[in-house]
């Protein structure tokens, strides 16, 4: 769980339908571009291209679903990024809820699917969590600095 001073609707938009516009602006030192097959809807593939010098060149997500009325979305990391030879995929579920007193609470879960009988260590899980947070904070900062974005 993370808290944010940004409203749930704006965070939801920044991480789903407006991500191709927002992420490269919010995290220019990490994200070069996002390519979306068709509209960002269930089953679509989103390719995130990273800038030179980072450990990964790209990641591909397959969108599981978006529920704009509940500000929730899910996706699977299916290629690239931290998967390596140990992980088949990582499934993510995220939901933004209104926080008491304003802002929002982001509730996230990750499920790891290993290749064969590989085991993911606690340190590897912590590194994957830290990597996931690497885009969250810059996007939040971008939304705070640009109140007209994602309204």
N, C-alpha and C. Protein backbone atom coordinates (compact mmCIF):
# COMPACT_ATOMS: atom_id res chain seq x y z
N UNK A 1 0.84 -1.19 0.00
CA UNK A 1 0.00 0.00 0.00
C UNK A 1 0.87 1.24 0.00
N UNK A 2 0.47 2.21 -0.81
CA UNK A 2 1.11 3.52 -0.84
C UNK A 2 0.03 4.57 -0.74
N UNK A 3 0.33 5.67 -0.07
CA UNK A 3 -0.60 6.79 -0.04
C UNK A 3 -0.08 7.87 -0.98
N UNK A 4 -1.01 8.69 -1.45
CA UNK A 4 -0.65 9.76 -2.37
C UNK A 4 -1.59 10.94 -2.16
N UNK A 5 -1.08 12.16 -2.32
CA UNK A 5 -1.97 13.32 -2.26
C UNK A 5 -2.80 13.50 -3.54
N UNK A 6 -2.53 12.67 -4.56
CA UNK A 6 -3.23 12.78 -5.85
C UNK A 6 -4.52 11.97 -5.81
N UNK A 7 -5.58 12.50 -6.41
CA UNK A 7 -6.89 11.84 -6.44
C UNK A 7 -6.82 10.51 -7.20
N UNK A 8 -7.64 9.52 -6.78
CA UNK A 8 -7.63 8.21 -7.44
C UNK A 8 -7.88 8.26 -8.94
N UNK A 9 -8.80 9.10 -9.40
CA UNK A 9 -9.13 9.15 -10.84
C UNK A 9 -7.92 9.59 -11.66
N UNK A 10 -7.15 10.56 -11.18
CA UNK A 10 -5.98 11.04 -11.91
C UNK A 10 -4.87 9.98 -11.94
N UNK A 11 -4.64 9.32 -10.82
CA UNK A 11 -3.63 8.26 -10.79
C UNK A 11 -4.02 7.13 -11.73
N UNK A 12 -5.30 6.75 -11.69
CA UNK A 12 -5.78 5.68 -12.57
C UNK A 12 -5.50 6.03 -14.03
N UNK A 13 -5.85 7.22 -14.45
CA UNK A 13 -5.63 7.64 -15.84
C UNK A 13 -4.14 7.64 -16.18
N UNK A 14 -3.31 8.12 -15.25
CA UNK A 14 -1.87 8.22 -15.51
C UNK A 14 -1.21 6.85 -15.66
N UNK A 15 -1.78 5.84 -15.02
CA UNK A 15 -1.21 4.50 -15.09
C UNK A 15 -1.90 3.60 -16.11
N UNK A 16 -2.95 4.09 -16.75
CA UNK A 16 -3.66 3.26 -17.74
C UNK A 16 -3.74 4.00 -19.08
N UNK A 17 -4.87 4.62 -19.35
CA UNK A 17 -5.13 5.17 -20.68
C UNK A 17 -4.20 6.30 -21.09
N UNK A 18 -3.67 7.07 -20.15
CA UNK A 18 -2.78 8.18 -20.51
C UNK A 18 -1.31 7.86 -20.25
N UNK A 19 -1.00 6.61 -19.89
CA UNK A 19 0.39 6.22 -19.60
C UNK A 19 1.35 6.51 -20.76
N UNK A 20 0.95 6.25 -22.03
CA UNK A 20 1.90 6.54 -23.12
C UNK A 20 2.32 8.01 -23.19
N UNK A 21 1.46 8.92 -22.77
CA UNK A 21 1.79 10.35 -22.76
C UNK A 21 2.53 10.73 -21.48
N UNK A 22 2.09 10.18 -20.36
CA UNK A 22 2.57 10.62 -19.05
C UNK A 22 3.94 10.04 -18.68
N UNK A 23 4.13 8.74 -18.83
CA UNK A 23 5.35 8.11 -18.32
C UNK A 23 6.63 8.69 -18.90
N UNK A 24 6.76 8.90 -20.23
CA UNK A 24 8.01 9.48 -20.74
C UNK A 24 8.26 10.90 -20.22
N UNK A 25 7.20 11.66 -19.97
CA UNK A 25 7.36 13.00 -19.41
C UNK A 25 7.71 12.94 -17.93
N UNK A 26 7.08 12.03 -17.20
CA UNK A 26 7.28 11.93 -15.76
C UNK A 26 8.61 11.30 -15.39
N UNK A 27 9.08 10.36 -16.20
CA UNK A 27 10.32 9.64 -15.89
C UNK A 27 11.23 9.61 -17.12
N UNK A 28 11.65 10.79 -17.61
CA UNK A 28 12.45 10.81 -18.83
C UNK A 28 13.83 10.16 -18.70
N UNK A 29 14.31 10.00 -17.48
CA UNK A 29 15.59 9.33 -17.27
C UNK A 29 15.46 7.82 -17.28
N UNK A 30 14.23 7.32 -17.38
CA UNK A 30 14.00 5.87 -17.38
C UNK A 30 13.19 5.42 -18.59
N UNK A 31 12.08 6.08 -18.86
CA UNK A 31 11.15 5.63 -19.90
C UNK A 31 11.31 6.45 -21.17
N UNK A 32 11.65 5.77 -22.26
CA UNK A 32 11.78 6.43 -23.56
C UNK A 32 10.40 6.56 -24.21
N UNK A 33 9.63 5.45 -24.23
CA UNK A 33 8.32 5.48 -24.87
C UNK A 33 7.50 4.27 -24.46
N UNK A 34 6.20 4.36 -24.71
CA UNK A 34 5.27 3.24 -24.56
C UNK A 34 4.58 3.03 -25.89
N UNK A 35 4.53 1.78 -26.32
CA UNK A 35 3.82 1.43 -27.56
C UNK A 35 2.65 0.54 -27.18
N UNK A 36 1.46 0.91 -27.65
CA UNK A 36 0.25 0.17 -27.31
C UNK A 36 -0.36 -0.42 -28.57
N UNK A 37 -0.66 -1.72 -28.52
CA UNK A 37 -1.41 -2.35 -29.61
C UNK A 37 -2.87 -1.95 -29.46
N UNK A 38 -3.40 -1.26 -30.42
CA UNK A 38 -4.80 -0.80 -30.41
C UNK A 38 -5.02 0.08 -29.19
N UNK A 39 -6.23 0.05 -28.62
CA UNK A 39 -6.53 0.81 -27.41
C UNK A 39 -6.04 0.02 -26.21
N UNK A 40 -5.66 0.72 -25.14
CA UNK A 40 -5.24 -0.02 -23.96
C UNK A 40 -6.45 -0.70 -23.31
N UNK A 41 -6.77 -1.89 -23.80
CA UNK A 41 -7.90 -2.63 -23.28
C UNK A 41 -7.48 -4.07 -23.01
N UNK A 42 -8.37 -4.83 -22.43
CA UNK A 42 -8.07 -6.21 -22.05
C UNK A 42 -7.47 -7.00 -23.21
N UNK A 43 -6.33 -7.63 -22.94
CA UNK A 43 -5.66 -8.44 -23.94
C UNK A 43 -4.61 -7.70 -24.75
N UNK A 44 -4.66 -6.37 -24.75
CA UNK A 44 -3.68 -5.58 -25.50
C UNK A 44 -2.29 -5.75 -24.90
N UNK A 45 -1.28 -5.56 -25.76
CA UNK A 45 0.11 -5.61 -25.33
C UNK A 45 0.65 -4.18 -25.29
N UNK A 46 1.33 -3.84 -24.20
CA UNK A 46 1.98 -2.55 -24.05
C UNK A 46 3.47 -2.81 -23.92
N UNK A 47 4.26 -2.19 -24.80
CA UNK A 47 5.72 -2.32 -24.74
C UNK A 47 6.27 -1.03 -24.17
N UNK A 48 7.01 -1.15 -23.07
CA UNK A 48 7.65 -0.02 -22.43
C UNK A 48 9.13 -0.05 -22.82
N UNK A 49 9.57 0.99 -23.52
CA UNK A 49 10.96 1.09 -23.96
C UNK A 49 11.72 1.99 -22.99
N UNK A 50 12.87 1.50 -22.51
CA UNK A 50 13.65 2.26 -21.55
C UNK A 50 14.80 2.98 -22.23
N UNK A 51 15.31 4.02 -21.57
CA UNK A 51 16.44 4.78 -22.10
C UNK A 51 17.71 3.93 -22.01
N UNK A 52 18.70 4.29 -22.81
CA UNK A 52 19.98 3.58 -22.80
C UNK A 52 20.61 3.68 -21.42
N UNK A 53 21.32 2.62 -21.04
CA UNK A 53 22.05 2.63 -19.79
C UNK A 53 21.34 1.97 -18.62
N UNK A 54 20.06 1.65 -18.79
CA UNK A 54 19.34 0.96 -17.72
C UNK A 54 19.55 -0.55 -17.87
N UNK A 55 19.29 -1.32 -16.81
CA UNK A 55 19.53 -2.77 -16.89
C UNK A 55 18.67 -3.49 -17.93
N UNK A 56 17.51 -2.91 -18.28
CA UNK A 56 16.60 -3.55 -19.23
C UNK A 56 16.34 -2.60 -20.39
N UNK A 57 16.19 -3.16 -21.59
CA UNK A 57 15.86 -2.33 -22.75
C UNK A 57 14.36 -2.09 -22.85
N UNK A 58 13.57 -3.10 -22.46
CA UNK A 58 12.12 -2.99 -22.59
C UNK A 58 11.43 -4.00 -21.68
N UNK A 59 10.12 -3.83 -21.56
CA UNK A 59 9.22 -4.80 -20.91
C UNK A 59 7.94 -4.82 -21.72
N UNK A 60 7.29 -5.98 -21.76
CA UNK A 60 5.97 -6.06 -22.37
C UNK A 60 4.96 -6.48 -21.31
N UNK A 61 3.87 -5.72 -21.27
CA UNK A 61 2.74 -6.02 -20.38
C UNK A 61 1.56 -6.46 -21.23
N UNK A 62 0.82 -7.44 -20.73
CA UNK A 62 -0.46 -7.78 -21.35
C UNK A 62 -1.53 -7.31 -20.38
N UNK A 63 -2.40 -6.45 -20.88
CA UNK A 63 -3.43 -5.87 -20.03
C UNK A 63 -4.48 -6.93 -19.69
N UNK A 64 -4.75 -7.05 -18.40
CA UNK A 64 -5.78 -7.97 -17.93
C UNK A 64 -7.14 -7.31 -17.95
N UNK A 65 -7.20 -6.10 -17.46
CA UNK A 65 -8.46 -5.37 -17.45
C UNK A 65 -8.33 -4.03 -16.76
N UNK A 66 -9.23 -3.12 -17.12
CA UNK A 66 -9.33 -1.80 -16.50
C UNK A 66 -10.76 -1.64 -16.02
N UNK A 67 -10.95 -1.16 -14.81
CA UNK A 67 -12.28 -0.86 -14.29
C UNK A 67 -12.26 0.59 -13.83
N UNK A 68 -12.65 1.47 -14.74
CA UNK A 68 -12.58 2.90 -14.45
C UNK A 68 -13.51 3.30 -13.31
N UNK A 69 -14.62 2.61 -13.13
CA UNK A 69 -15.54 2.98 -12.06
C UNK A 69 -14.96 2.66 -10.67
N UNK A 70 -14.06 1.67 -10.61
CA UNK A 70 -13.42 1.31 -9.33
C UNK A 70 -11.95 1.70 -9.29
N UNK A 71 -11.46 2.38 -10.32
CA UNK A 71 -10.06 2.79 -10.42
C UNK A 71 -9.10 1.62 -10.17
N UNK A 72 -9.40 0.50 -10.83
CA UNK A 72 -8.55 -0.68 -10.67
C UNK A 72 -8.12 -1.18 -12.05
N UNK A 73 -6.96 -1.83 -12.07
CA UNK A 73 -6.46 -2.40 -13.32
C UNK A 73 -5.51 -3.54 -13.00
N UNK A 74 -5.37 -4.42 -13.98
CA UNK A 74 -4.46 -5.55 -13.82
C UNK A 74 -3.71 -5.78 -15.12
N UNK A 75 -2.53 -6.36 -14.98
CA UNK A 75 -1.73 -6.69 -16.15
C UNK A 75 -0.70 -7.74 -15.77
N UNK A 76 -0.15 -8.39 -16.79
CA UNK A 76 0.92 -9.36 -16.61
C UNK A 76 2.17 -8.84 -17.31
N UNK A 77 3.30 -8.92 -16.63
CA UNK A 77 4.58 -8.68 -17.26
C UNK A 77 4.94 -9.99 -17.94
N UNK A 78 4.99 -9.98 -19.29
CA UNK A 78 5.13 -11.24 -20.03
C UNK A 78 6.46 -11.38 -20.78
N UNK A 79 7.20 -10.27 -20.89
CA UNK A 79 8.46 -10.35 -21.65
C UNK A 79 9.38 -9.21 -21.23
N UNK A 80 10.67 -9.50 -21.21
CA UNK A 80 11.67 -8.48 -20.93
C UNK A 80 11.76 -8.13 -19.46
N UNK A 81 12.37 -7.00 -19.20
CA UNK A 81 12.51 -6.52 -17.83
C UNK A 81 13.18 -7.53 -16.93
N UNK A 82 12.67 -7.68 -15.72
CA UNK A 82 13.31 -8.53 -14.73
C UNK A 82 12.98 -10.02 -14.84
N UNK A 83 12.26 -10.45 -15.87
CA UNK A 83 11.84 -11.86 -15.92
C UNK A 83 13.03 -12.82 -15.97
N UNK A 84 14.02 -12.53 -16.77
CA UNK A 84 15.18 -13.42 -16.86
C UNK A 84 14.79 -14.84 -17.19
N UNK A 85 15.56 -15.80 -16.67
CA UNK A 85 15.26 -17.20 -16.95
C UNK A 85 14.55 -17.88 -15.79
N UNK A 86 14.27 -17.13 -14.70
CA UNK A 86 13.61 -17.71 -13.53
C UNK A 86 12.09 -17.51 -13.55
N UNK A 87 11.64 -16.43 -14.19
CA UNK A 87 10.23 -16.08 -14.13
C UNK A 87 9.57 -16.19 -15.50
N UNK A 88 8.40 -16.84 -15.50
CA UNK A 88 7.58 -16.91 -16.70
C UNK A 88 6.82 -15.61 -16.89
N UNK A 89 6.23 -15.10 -15.78
CA UNK A 89 5.51 -13.83 -15.80
C UNK A 89 5.29 -13.36 -14.37
N UNK A 90 4.91 -12.09 -14.27
CA UNK A 90 4.50 -11.51 -12.99
C UNK A 90 3.14 -10.87 -13.22
N UNK A 91 2.16 -11.22 -12.40
CA UNK A 91 0.83 -10.62 -12.50
C UNK A 91 0.68 -9.52 -11.44
N UNK A 92 0.12 -8.40 -11.88
CA UNK A 92 -0.07 -7.25 -11.01
C UNK A 92 -1.55 -6.89 -10.95
N UNK A 93 -2.00 -6.54 -9.76
CA UNK A 93 -3.35 -5.98 -9.58
C UNK A 93 -3.19 -4.71 -8.78
N UNK A 94 -3.81 -3.64 -9.24
CA UNK A 94 -3.69 -2.33 -8.61
C UNK A 94 -5.06 -1.68 -8.48
N UNK A 95 -5.24 -0.98 -7.37
CA UNK A 95 -6.49 -0.27 -7.15
C UNK A 95 -6.19 1.02 -6.40
N UNK A 96 -6.79 2.11 -6.87
CA UNK A 96 -6.66 3.40 -6.20
C UNK A 96 -7.97 3.69 -5.49
N UNK A 97 -7.89 3.92 -4.19
CA UNK A 97 -9.07 4.24 -3.38
C UNK A 97 -8.91 5.62 -2.78
N UNK A 98 -10.04 6.29 -2.56
CA UNK A 98 -10.01 7.60 -1.91
C UNK A 98 -9.51 7.44 -0.48
N UNK A 99 -8.60 8.31 -0.09
CA UNK A 99 -8.07 8.29 1.27
C UNK A 99 -8.87 9.24 2.14
N UNK A 100 -9.03 8.92 3.41
CA UNK A 100 -9.69 9.86 4.31
C UNK A 100 -8.90 11.17 4.33
N UNK A 101 -9.58 12.27 4.14
CA UNK A 101 -8.90 13.56 4.14
C UNK A 101 -8.35 13.97 2.79
N UNK A 102 -8.61 13.19 1.75
CA UNK A 102 -8.16 13.54 0.40
C UNK A 102 -7.02 12.66 -0.08
N UNK A 103 -6.75 12.77 -1.36
CA UNK A 103 -5.71 11.94 -1.95
C UNK A 103 -6.19 10.52 -2.15
N UNK A 104 -5.25 9.58 -2.17
CA UNK A 104 -5.64 8.20 -2.43
C UNK A 104 -4.70 7.21 -1.75
N UNK A 105 -5.16 6.00 -1.73
CA UNK A 105 -4.39 4.85 -1.25
C UNK A 105 -4.29 3.90 -2.43
N UNK A 106 -3.08 3.53 -2.78
CA UNK A 106 -2.86 2.57 -3.86
C UNK A 106 -2.59 1.22 -3.24
N UNK A 107 -3.46 0.27 -3.56
CA UNK A 107 -3.28 -1.10 -3.09
C UNK A 107 -2.82 -1.95 -4.27
N UNK A 108 -1.68 -2.60 -4.10
CA UNK A 108 -1.09 -3.39 -5.17
C UNK A 108 -0.75 -4.78 -4.70
N UNK A 109 -0.85 -5.72 -5.64
CA UNK A 109 -0.38 -7.08 -5.34
C UNK A 109 0.36 -7.60 -6.56
N UNK A 110 1.34 -8.46 -6.30
CA UNK A 110 2.14 -9.08 -7.35
C UNK A 110 2.12 -10.59 -7.11
N UNK A 111 1.98 -11.34 -8.20
CA UNK A 111 2.04 -12.80 -8.12
C UNK A 111 3.10 -13.27 -9.11
N UNK A 112 4.03 -14.07 -8.61
CA UNK A 112 5.16 -14.53 -9.41
C UNK A 112 4.90 -15.94 -9.94
N UNK A 113 5.15 -16.13 -11.22
CA UNK A 113 5.04 -17.44 -11.85
C UNK A 113 6.44 -17.84 -12.30
N UNK A 114 7.01 -18.83 -11.63
CA UNK A 114 8.37 -19.23 -11.94
C UNK A 114 8.43 -20.25 -13.06
N UNK A 115 9.58 -20.31 -13.71
CA UNK A 115 9.85 -21.32 -14.73
C UNK A 115 10.30 -22.58 -14.00
N UNK A 116 9.64 -23.69 -14.28
CA UNK A 116 10.00 -24.96 -13.63
C UNK A 116 9.90 -24.86 -12.13
N UNK A 117 10.91 -25.37 -11.44
CA UNK A 117 10.87 -25.35 -9.98
C UNK A 117 11.81 -24.28 -9.40
N UNK A 118 12.07 -23.23 -10.19
CA UNK A 118 12.87 -22.11 -9.68
C UNK A 118 12.17 -21.47 -8.49
N UNK A 119 12.95 -20.90 -7.60
CA UNK A 119 12.44 -20.24 -6.41
C UNK A 119 12.91 -18.79 -6.43
N UNK A 120 12.02 -17.88 -6.09
CA UNK A 120 12.35 -16.47 -6.00
C UNK A 120 12.67 -16.17 -4.54
N UNK A 121 13.83 -15.57 -4.30
CA UNK A 121 14.25 -15.27 -2.93
C UNK A 121 13.59 -13.99 -2.43
N UNK A 122 13.63 -13.79 -1.12
CA UNK A 122 13.09 -12.58 -0.51
C UNK A 122 13.80 -11.33 -1.05
N UNK A 123 15.12 -11.42 -1.24
CA UNK A 123 15.87 -10.28 -1.78
C UNK A 123 15.45 -9.97 -3.22
N UNK A 124 15.19 -11.00 -4.01
CA UNK A 124 14.73 -10.78 -5.39
C UNK A 124 13.35 -10.14 -5.40
N UNK A 125 12.48 -10.56 -4.49
CA UNK A 125 11.14 -9.97 -4.39
C UNK A 125 11.26 -8.49 -4.00
N UNK A 126 12.12 -8.18 -3.04
CA UNK A 126 12.32 -6.78 -2.62
C UNK A 126 12.82 -5.94 -3.79
N UNK A 127 13.74 -6.47 -4.59
CA UNK A 127 14.25 -5.75 -5.75
C UNK A 127 13.15 -5.51 -6.78
N UNK A 128 12.30 -6.51 -7.00
CA UNK A 128 11.19 -6.36 -7.95
C UNK A 128 10.19 -5.32 -7.45
N UNK A 129 9.92 -5.30 -6.15
CA UNK A 129 9.02 -4.29 -5.58
C UNK A 129 9.61 -2.90 -5.75
N UNK A 130 10.90 -2.76 -5.49
CA UNK A 130 11.56 -1.47 -5.64
C UNK A 130 11.49 -1.00 -7.09
N UNK A 131 11.68 -1.92 -8.03
CA UNK A 131 11.59 -1.58 -9.44
C UNK A 131 10.21 -1.09 -9.82
N UNK A 132 9.18 -1.72 -9.26
CA UNK A 132 7.80 -1.31 -9.54
C UNK A 132 7.53 0.10 -9.02
N UNK A 133 8.13 0.43 -7.90
CA UNK A 133 7.94 1.75 -7.32
C UNK A 133 8.69 2.83 -8.08
N UNK A 134 9.64 2.42 -8.95
CA UNK A 134 10.47 3.36 -9.69
C UNK A 134 9.70 4.27 -10.63
N UNK A 135 8.54 3.86 -11.09
CA UNK A 135 7.72 4.71 -11.97
C UNK A 135 6.64 5.42 -11.16
N UNK A 136 6.17 4.80 -10.08
CA UNK A 136 5.06 5.35 -9.30
C UNK A 136 5.37 6.76 -8.80
N UNK A 137 6.50 6.93 -8.14
CA UNK A 137 6.83 8.23 -7.54
C UNK A 137 7.02 9.32 -8.59
N UNK A 138 7.77 9.07 -9.68
CA UNK A 138 7.87 10.12 -10.71
C UNK A 138 6.53 10.50 -11.32
N UNK A 139 5.64 9.53 -11.52
CA UNK A 139 4.31 9.84 -12.07
C UNK A 139 3.53 10.69 -11.07
N UNK A 140 3.58 10.33 -9.80
CA UNK A 140 2.90 11.12 -8.77
C UNK A 140 3.45 12.55 -8.76
N UNK A 141 4.78 12.70 -8.78
CA UNK A 141 5.39 14.03 -8.78
C UNK A 141 4.97 14.83 -10.02
N UNK A 142 4.91 14.16 -11.17
CA UNK A 142 4.48 14.82 -12.41
C UNK A 142 3.05 15.34 -12.27
N UNK A 143 2.16 14.52 -11.72
CA UNK A 143 0.76 14.93 -11.56
C UNK A 143 0.64 16.10 -10.59
N UNK A 144 1.44 16.10 -9.54
CA UNK A 144 1.41 17.20 -8.58
C UNK A 144 1.92 18.50 -9.22
N UNK A 145 2.94 18.40 -10.06
CA UNK A 145 3.51 19.57 -10.72
C UNK A 145 2.67 20.05 -11.90
N UNK A 146 1.79 19.19 -12.41
CA UNK A 146 0.97 19.51 -13.58
C UNK A 146 -0.50 19.24 -13.27
N UNK A 147 -1.15 20.14 -12.53
CA UNK A 147 -2.52 19.88 -12.07
C UNK A 147 -3.55 19.69 -13.19
N UNK A 148 -3.20 20.12 -14.43
CA UNK A 148 -4.13 19.94 -15.55
C UNK A 148 -4.02 18.55 -16.17
N UNK A 149 -2.98 17.82 -15.84
CA UNK A 149 -2.76 16.49 -16.46
C UNK A 149 -3.70 15.44 -15.88
N UNK A 150 -4.21 14.60 -16.76
CA UNK A 150 -5.04 13.43 -16.38
C UNK A 150 -6.32 13.79 -15.66
N UNK A 151 -6.93 14.89 -16.06
CA UNK A 151 -8.22 15.26 -15.46
C UNK A 151 -9.38 14.74 -16.29
